[in-house]
Amino acid sequence: SGAAVAGAKIEIYSESTGFRRSAVSGDDGRYSMPGLPVGEFTLSASKEGFQAKKIDKLALIVGLRRVE
């Protein structure tokens, strides 16, 4: 439905470098992963009882911040 999901496991992974980091979304569905290196990543979100979501080829660019 696109609604926020609290307690979702968020993972970001770079196939080219092997870099991996994870976080858990807060009560409002938001999460933060400061200090990520520039590059191309795969982002996934999952929580039991919900359909997992995966975004491939997500480009991280210096100085870019997306807030919705």
PDB file of N, CA and C in Angstrom:
ATOM      1  N   SER A   1       0.811  -1.206   0.000  1.00  0.00           N
ATOM      2  CA  SER A   1       0.000   0.000   0.000  1.00  0.00           C
ATOM      3  C   SER A   1       0.851   1.265   0.000  1.00  0.00           C
ATOM      4  N   GLY A   2       2.161   1.113   0.263  1.00  0.00           N
ATOM      5  CA  GLY A   2       3.034   2.280   0.310  1.00  0.00           C
ATOM      6  C   GLY A   2       3.101   2.923   1.684  1.00  0.00           C
ATOM      7  N   ALA A   3       2.397   2.357   2.680  1.00  0.00           N
ATOM      8  CA  ALA A   3       2.409   2.914   4.029  1.00  0.00           C
ATOM      9  C   ALA A   3       3.745   2.630   4.709  1.00  0.00           C
ATOM     10  N   ALA A   4       4.105   3.450   5.691  1.00  0.00           N
ATOM     11  CA  ALA A   4       5.336   3.266   6.457  1.00  0.00           C
ATOM     12  C   ALA A   4       5.242   1.980   7.271  1.00  0.00           C
ATOM     13  N   VAL A   5       6.378   1.295   7.410  1.00  0.00           N
ATOM     14  CA  VAL A   5       6.436   0.053   8.182  1.00  0.00           C
ATOM     15  C   VAL A   5       7.509   0.196   9.261  1.00  0.00           C
ATOM     16  N   ALA A   6       7.095   0.205  10.514  1.00  0.00           N
ATOM     17  CA  ALA A   6       8.038   0.273  11.629  1.00  0.00           C
ATOM     18  C   ALA A   6       8.699  -1.081  11.821  1.00  0.00           C
ATOM     19  N   GLY A   7       9.971  -1.076  12.170  1.00  0.00           N
ATOM     20  CA  GLY A   7      10.682  -2.306  12.477  1.00  0.00           C
ATOM     21  C   GLY A   7      11.101  -3.134  11.275  1.00  0.00           C
ATOM     22  N   ALA A   8      11.099  -2.531  10.089  1.00  0.00           N
ATOM     23  CA  ALA A   8      11.543  -3.251   8.892  1.00  0.00           C
ATOM     24  C   ALA A   8      13.066  -3.303   8.855  1.00  0.00           C
ATOM     25  N   LYS A   9      13.610  -4.408   8.379  1.00  0.00           N
ATOM     26  CA  LYS A   9      15.058  -4.535   8.216  1.00  0.00           C
ATOM     27  C   LYS A   9      15.439  -3.959   6.862  1.00  0.00           C
ATOM     28  N   ILE A  10      16.318  -2.976   6.866  1.00  0.00           N
ATOM     29  CA  ILE A  10      16.772  -2.310   5.659  1.00  0.00           C
ATOM     30  C   ILE A  10      18.226  -2.712   5.432  1.00  0.00           C
ATOM     31  N   GLU A  11      18.539  -3.178   4.230  1.00  0.00           N
ATOM     32  CA  GLU A  11      19.913  -3.568   3.908  1.00  0.00           C
ATOM     33  C   GLU A  11      20.347  -2.872   2.625  1.00  0.00           C
ATOM     34  N   ILE A  12      21.597  -2.422   2.619  1.00  0.00           N
ATOM     35  CA  ILE A  12      22.170  -1.829   1.418  1.00  0.00           C
ATOM     36  C   ILE A  12      23.466  -2.581   1.123  1.00  0.00           C
ATOM     37  N   TYR A  13      23.672  -2.883  -0.160  1.00  0.00           N
ATOM     38  CA  TYR A  13      24.805  -3.731  -0.546  1.00  0.00           C
ATOM     39  C   TYR A  13      25.371  -3.258  -1.883  1.00  0.00           C
ATOM     40  N   SER A  14      26.693  -3.240  -1.972  1.00  0.00           N
ATOM     41  CA  SER A  14      27.381  -2.922  -3.222  1.00  0.00           C
ATOM     42  C   SER A  14      28.063  -4.182  -3.724  1.00  0.00           C
ATOM     43  N   GLU A  15      27.622  -4.686  -4.847  1.00  0.00           N
ATOM     44  CA  GLU A  15      28.222  -5.889  -5.424  1.00  0.00           C
ATOM     45  C   GLU A  15      29.671  -5.641  -5.847  1.00  0.00           C
ATOM     46  N   SER A  16      29.958  -4.436  -6.343  1.00  0.00           N
ATOM     47  CA  SER A  16      31.302  -4.154  -6.852  1.00  0.00           C
ATOM     48  C   SER A  16      32.354  -4.051  -5.744  1.00  0.00           C
ATOM     49  N   THR A  17      31.951  -3.607  -4.542  1.00  0.00           N
ATOM     50  CA  THR A  17      32.924  -3.436  -3.454  1.00  0.00           C
ATOM     51  C   THR A  17      32.721  -4.408  -2.301  1.00  0.00           C
ATOM     52  N   GLY A  18      31.556  -5.037  -2.228  1.00  0.00           N
ATOM     53  CA  GLY A  18      31.243  -5.923  -1.107  1.00  0.00           C
ATOM     54  C   GLY A  18      30.766  -5.178   0.131  1.00  0.00           C
ATOM     55  N   PHE A  19      30.645  -3.854   0.026  1.00  0.00           N
ATOM     56  CA  PHE A  19      30.183  -3.047   1.155  1.00  0.00           C
ATOM     57  C   PHE A  19      28.747  -3.446   1.506  1.00  0.00           C
ATOM     58  N   ARG A  20      28.483  -3.585   2.809  1.00  0.00           N
ATOM     59  CA  ARG A  20      27.142  -3.951   3.261  1.00  0.00           C
ATOM     60  C   ARG A  20      26.856  -3.238   4.588  1.00  0.00           C
ATOM     61  N   ARG A  21      25.632  -2.738   4.715  1.00  0.00           N
ATOM     62  CA  ARG A  21      25.206  -2.119   5.969  1.00  0.00           C
ATOM     63  C   ARG A  21      23.724  -2.392   6.139  1.00  0.00           C
ATOM     64  N   SER A  22      23.277  -2.428   7.386  1.00  0.00           N
ATOM     65  CA  SER A  22      21.858  -2.645   7.644  1.00  0.00           C
ATOM     66  C   SER A  22      21.373  -1.699   8.732  1.00  0.00           C
ATOM     67  N   ALA A  23      20.064  -1.513   8.771  1.00  0.00           N
ATOM     68  CA  ALA A  23      19.412  -0.663   9.765  1.00  0.00           C
ATOM     69  C   ALA A  23      18.000  -1.192   9.959  1.00  0.00           C
ATOM     70  N   VAL A  24      17.323  -0.663  10.962  1.00  0.00           N
ATOM     71  CA  VAL A  24      15.926  -1.009  11.223  1.00  0.00           C
ATOM     72  C   VAL A  24      15.129   0.286  11.202  1.00  0.00           C
ATOM     73  N   SER A  25      13.997   0.275  10.510  1.00  0.00           N
ATOM     74  CA  SER A  25      13.174   1.481  10.415  1.00  0.00           C
ATOM     75  C   SER A  25      12.525   1.800  11.763  1.00  0.00           C
ATOM     76  N   GLY A  26      12.363   3.088  12.016  1.00  0.00           N
ATOM     77  CA  GLY A  26      11.762   3.557  13.263  1.00  0.00           C
ATOM     78  C   GLY A  26      10.246   3.483  13.231  1.00  0.00           C
ATOM     79  N   ASP A  27       9.630   4.003  14.261  1.00  0.00           N
ATOM     80  CA  ASP A  27       8.171   3.984  14.381  1.00  0.00           C
ATOM     81  C   ASP A  27       7.467   4.661  13.211  1.00  0.00           C
ATOM     82  N   ASP A  28       8.133   5.647  12.612  1.00  0.00           N
ATOM     83  CA  ASP A  28       7.551   6.369  11.476  1.00  0.00           C
ATOM     84  C   ASP A  28       7.964   5.766  10.133  1.00  0.00           C
ATOM     85  N   GLY A  29       8.684   4.631  10.156  1.00  0.00           N
ATOM     86  CA  GLY A  29       9.112   3.966   8.921  1.00  0.00           C
ATOM     87  C   GLY A  29      10.397   4.514   8.333  1.00  0.00           C
ATOM     88  N   ARG A  30      10.972   5.526   8.954  1.00  0.00           N
ATOM     89  CA  ARG A  30      12.206   6.125   8.437  1.00  0.00           C
ATOM     90  C   ARG A  30      13.438   5.416   8.987  1.00  0.00           C
ATOM     91  N   TYR A  31      14.530   5.549   8.251  1.00  0.00           N
ATOM     92  CA  TYR A  31      15.810   4.993   8.671  1.00  0.00           C
ATOM     93  C   TYR A  31      16.910   5.910   8.175  1.00  0.00           C
ATOM     94  N   SER A  32      18.096   5.749   8.740  1.00  0.00           N
ATOM     95  CA  SER A  32      19.232   6.575   8.344  1.00  0.00           C
ATOM     96  C   SER A  32      20.468   5.697   8.247  1.00  0.00           C
ATOM     97  N   MET A  33      21.280   5.936   7.219  1.00  0.00           N
ATOM     98  CA  MET A  33      22.557   5.239   7.058  1.00  0.00           C
ATOM     99  C   MET A  33      23.618   6.258   6.656  1.00  0.00           C
ATOM    100  N   PRO A  34      24.051   7.078   7.602  1.00  0.00           N
ATOM    101  CA  PRO A  34      25.049   8.095   7.269  1.00  0.00           C
ATOM    102  C   PRO A  34      26.403   7.469   6.940  1.00  0.00           C
ATOM    103  N   GLY A  35      27.184   8.198   6.163  1.00  0.00           N
ATOM    104  CA  GLY A  35      28.549   7.776   5.871  1.00  0.00           C
ATOM    105  C   GLY A  35      28.683   6.702   4.818  1.00  0.00           C
ATOM    106  N   LEU A  36      27.679   6.520   3.978  1.00  0.00           N
ATOM    107  CA  LEU A  36      27.790   5.526   2.910  1.00  0.00           C
ATOM    108  C   LEU A  36      28.767   6.018   1.836  1.00  0.00           C
ATOM    109  N   PRO A  37      29.546   5.120   1.262  1.00  0.00           N
ATOM    110  CA  PRO A  37      30.434   5.535   0.173  1.00  0.00           C
ATOM    111  C   PRO A  37      29.640   5.776  -1.110  1.00  0.00           C
ATOM    112  N   VAL A  38      30.180   6.602  -1.978  1.00  0.00           N
ATOM    113  CA  VAL A  38      29.568   6.852  -3.278  1.00  0.00           C
ATOM    114  C   VAL A  38      29.613   5.566  -4.084  1.00  0.00           C
ATOM    115  N   GLY A  39      28.563   5.305  -4.851  1.00  0.00           N
ATOM    116  CA  GLY A  39      28.560   4.116  -5.693  1.00  0.00           C
ATOM    117  C   GLY A  39      27.167   3.635  -6.017  1.00  0.00           C
ATOM    118  N   GLU A  40      27.102   2.441  -6.586  1.00  0.00           N
ATOM    119  CA  GLU A  40      25.831   1.836  -6.975  1.00  0.00           C
ATOM    120  C   GLU A  40      25.501   0.716  -5.989  1.00  0.00           C
ATOM    121  N   PHE A  41      24.264   0.684  -5.518  1.00  0.00           N
ATOM    122  CA  PHE A  41      23.856  -0.233  -4.470  1.00  0.00           C
ATOM    123  C   PHE A  41      22.566  -0.965  -4.822  1.00  0.00           C
ATOM    124  N   THR A  42      22.337  -2.043  -4.092  1.00  0.00           N
ATOM    125  CA  THR A  42      21.044  -2.706  -4.057  1.00  0.00           C
ATOM    126  C   THR A  42      20.487  -2.456  -2.662  1.00  0.00           C
ATOM    127  N   LEU A  43      19.246  -1.978  -2.594  1.00  0.00           N
ATOM    128  CA  LEU A  43      18.589  -1.676  -1.333  1.00  0.00           C
ATOM    129  C   LEU A  43      17.419  -2.624  -1.171  1.00  0.00           C
ATOM    130  N   SER A  44      17.296  -3.231   0.005  1.00  0.00           N
ATOM    131  CA  SER A  44      16.161  -4.116   0.249  1.00  0.00           C
ATOM    132  C   SER A  44      15.543  -3.802   1.605  1.00  0.00           C
ATOM    133  N   ALA A  45      14.238  -4.031   1.691  1.00  0.00           N
ATOM    134  CA  ALA A  45      13.498  -3.832   2.937  1.00  0.00           C
ATOM    135  C   ALA A  45      12.613  -5.049   3.149  1.00  0.00           C
ATOM    136  N   SER A  46      12.597  -5.550   4.380  1.00  0.00           N
ATOM    137  CA  SER A  46      11.778  -6.724   4.667  1.00  0.00           C
ATOM    138  C   SER A  46      11.302  -6.715   6.111  1.00  0.00           C
ATOM    139  N   LYS A  47      10.163  -7.344   6.313  1.00  0.00           N
ATOM    140  CA  LYS A  47       9.610  -7.545   7.652  1.00  0.00           C
ATOM    141  C   LYS A  47       8.620  -8.689   7.550  1.00  0.00           C
ATOM    142  N   GLU A  48       8.651  -9.567   8.535  1.00  0.00           N
ATOM    143  CA  GLU A  48       7.741 -10.706   8.537  1.00  0.00           C
ATOM    144  C   GLU A  48       6.296 -10.221   8.435  1.00  0.00           C
ATOM    145  N   GLY A  49       5.546 -10.858   7.551  1.00  0.00           N
ATOM    146  CA  GLY A  49       4.152 -10.491   7.348  1.00  0.00           C
ATOM    147  C   GLY A  49       3.942  -9.479   6.239  1.00  0.00           C
ATOM    148  N   PHE A  50       5.033  -8.969   5.661  1.00  0.00           N
ATOM    149  CA  PHE A  50       4.967  -7.987   4.587  1.00  0.00           C
ATOM    150  C   PHE A  50       5.744  -8.504   3.384  1.00  0.00           C
ATOM    151  N   GLN A  51       5.368  -8.040   2.200  1.00  0.00           N
ATOM    152  CA  GLN A  51       6.110  -8.392   0.994  1.00  0.00           C
ATOM    153  C   GLN A  51       7.423  -7.620   0.975  1.00  0.00           C
ATOM    154  N   ALA A  52       8.533  -8.319   0.722  1.00  0.00           N
ATOM    155  CA  ALA A  52       9.846  -7.670   0.663  1.00  0.00           C
ATOM    156  C   ALA A  52       9.927  -6.773  -0.570  1.00  0.00           C
ATOM    157  N   LYS A  53      10.738  -5.732  -0.471  1.00  0.00           N
ATOM    158  CA  LYS A  53      10.947  -4.790  -1.570  1.00  0.00           C
ATOM    159  C   LYS A  53      12.438  -4.695  -1.849  1.00  0.00           C
ATOM    160  N   LYS A  54      12.818  -4.696  -3.119  1.00  0.00           N
ATOM    161  CA  LYS A  54      14.222  -4.611  -3.516  1.00  0.00           C
ATOM    162  C   LYS A  54      14.359  -3.593  -4.639  1.00  0.00           C
ATOM    163  N   ILE A  55      15.364  -2.731  -4.524  1.00  0.00           N
ATOM    164  CA  ILE A  55      15.661  -1.746  -5.558  1.00  0.00           C
ATOM    165  C   ILE A  55      17.090  -1.984  -6.015  1.00  0.00           C
ATOM    166  N   ASP A  56      17.271  -2.324  -7.279  1.00  0.00           N
ATOM    167  CA  ASP A  56      18.601  -2.550  -7.851  1.00  0.00           C
ATOM    168  C   ASP A  56      19.123  -1.278  -8.502  1.00  0.00           C
ATOM    169  N   LYS A  57      20.438  -1.203  -8.617  1.00  0.00           N
ATOM    170  CA  LYS A  57      21.116  -0.102  -9.324  1.00  0.00           C
ATOM    171  C   LYS A  57      20.728   1.268  -8.781  1.00  0.00           C
ATOM    172  N   LEU A  58      20.726   1.383  -7.471  1.00  0.00           N
ATOM    173  CA  LEU A  58      20.454   2.644  -6.796  1.00  0.00           C
ATOM    174  C   LEU A  58      21.772   3.402  -6.689  1.00  0.00           C
ATOM    175  N   ALA A  59      21.862   4.559  -7.331  1.00  0.00           N
ATOM    176  CA  ALA A  59      23.109   5.336  -7.351  1.00  0.00           C
ATOM    177  C   ALA A  59      23.134   6.331  -6.197  1.00  0.00           C
ATOM    178  N   LEU A  60      24.219   6.301  -5.445  1.00  0.00           N
ATOM    179  CA  LEU A  60      24.428   7.259  -4.369  1.00  0.00           C
ATOM    180  C   LEU A  60      25.426   8.302  -4.863  1.00  0.00           C
ATOM    181  N   ILE A  61      24.998   9.561  -4.851  1.00  0.00           N
ATOM    182  CA  ILE A  61      25.787  10.662  -5.388  1.00  0.00           C
ATOM    183  C   ILE A  61      26.113  11.642  -4.259  1.00  0.00           C
ATOM    184  N   VAL A  62      27.325  12.159  -4.218  1.00  0.00           N
ATOM    185  CA  VAL A  62      27.759  13.095  -3.181  1.00  0.00           C
ATOM    186  C   VAL A  62      26.819  14.294  -3.123  1.00  0.00           C
ATOM    187  N   GLY A  63      26.392  14.642  -1.902  1.00  0.00           N
ATOM    188  CA  GLY A  63      25.568  15.820  -1.676  1.00  0.00           C
ATOM    189  C   GLY A  63      24.090  15.622  -1.955  1.00  0.00           C
ATOM    190  N   LEU A  64      23.678  14.447  -2.377  1.00  0.00           N
ATOM    191  CA  LEU A  64      22.277  14.200  -2.676  1.00  0.00           C
ATOM    192  C   LEU A  64      21.562  13.694  -1.438  1.00  0.00           C
ATOM    193  N   ARG A  65      20.436  14.304  -1.120  1.00  0.00           N
ATOM    194  CA  ARG A  65      19.645  13.876   0.017  1.00  0.00           C
ATOM    195  C   ARG A  65      18.196  13.846  -0.408  1.00  0.00           C
ATOM    196  N   ARG A  66      17.551  12.706  -0.192  1.00  0.00           N
ATOM    197  CA  ARG A  66      16.147  12.557  -0.586  1.00  0.00           C
ATOM    198  C   ARG A  66      15.306  12.431   0.677  1.00  0.00           C
ATOM    199  N   VAL A  67      14.367  13.325   0.841  1.00  0.00           N
ATOM    200  CA  VAL A  67      13.470  13.307   1.991  1.00  0.00           C
ATOM    201  C   VAL A  67      12.053  13.381   1.465  1.00  0.00           C
ATOM    202  N   GLU A  68      11.232  12.454   1.914  1.00  0.00           N
ATOM    203  CA  GLU A  68       9.824  12.464   1.480  1.00  0.00           C
ATOM    204  C   GLU A  68       8.923  12.658   2.651  1.00  0.00           C
TER     205      GLU A  68
END
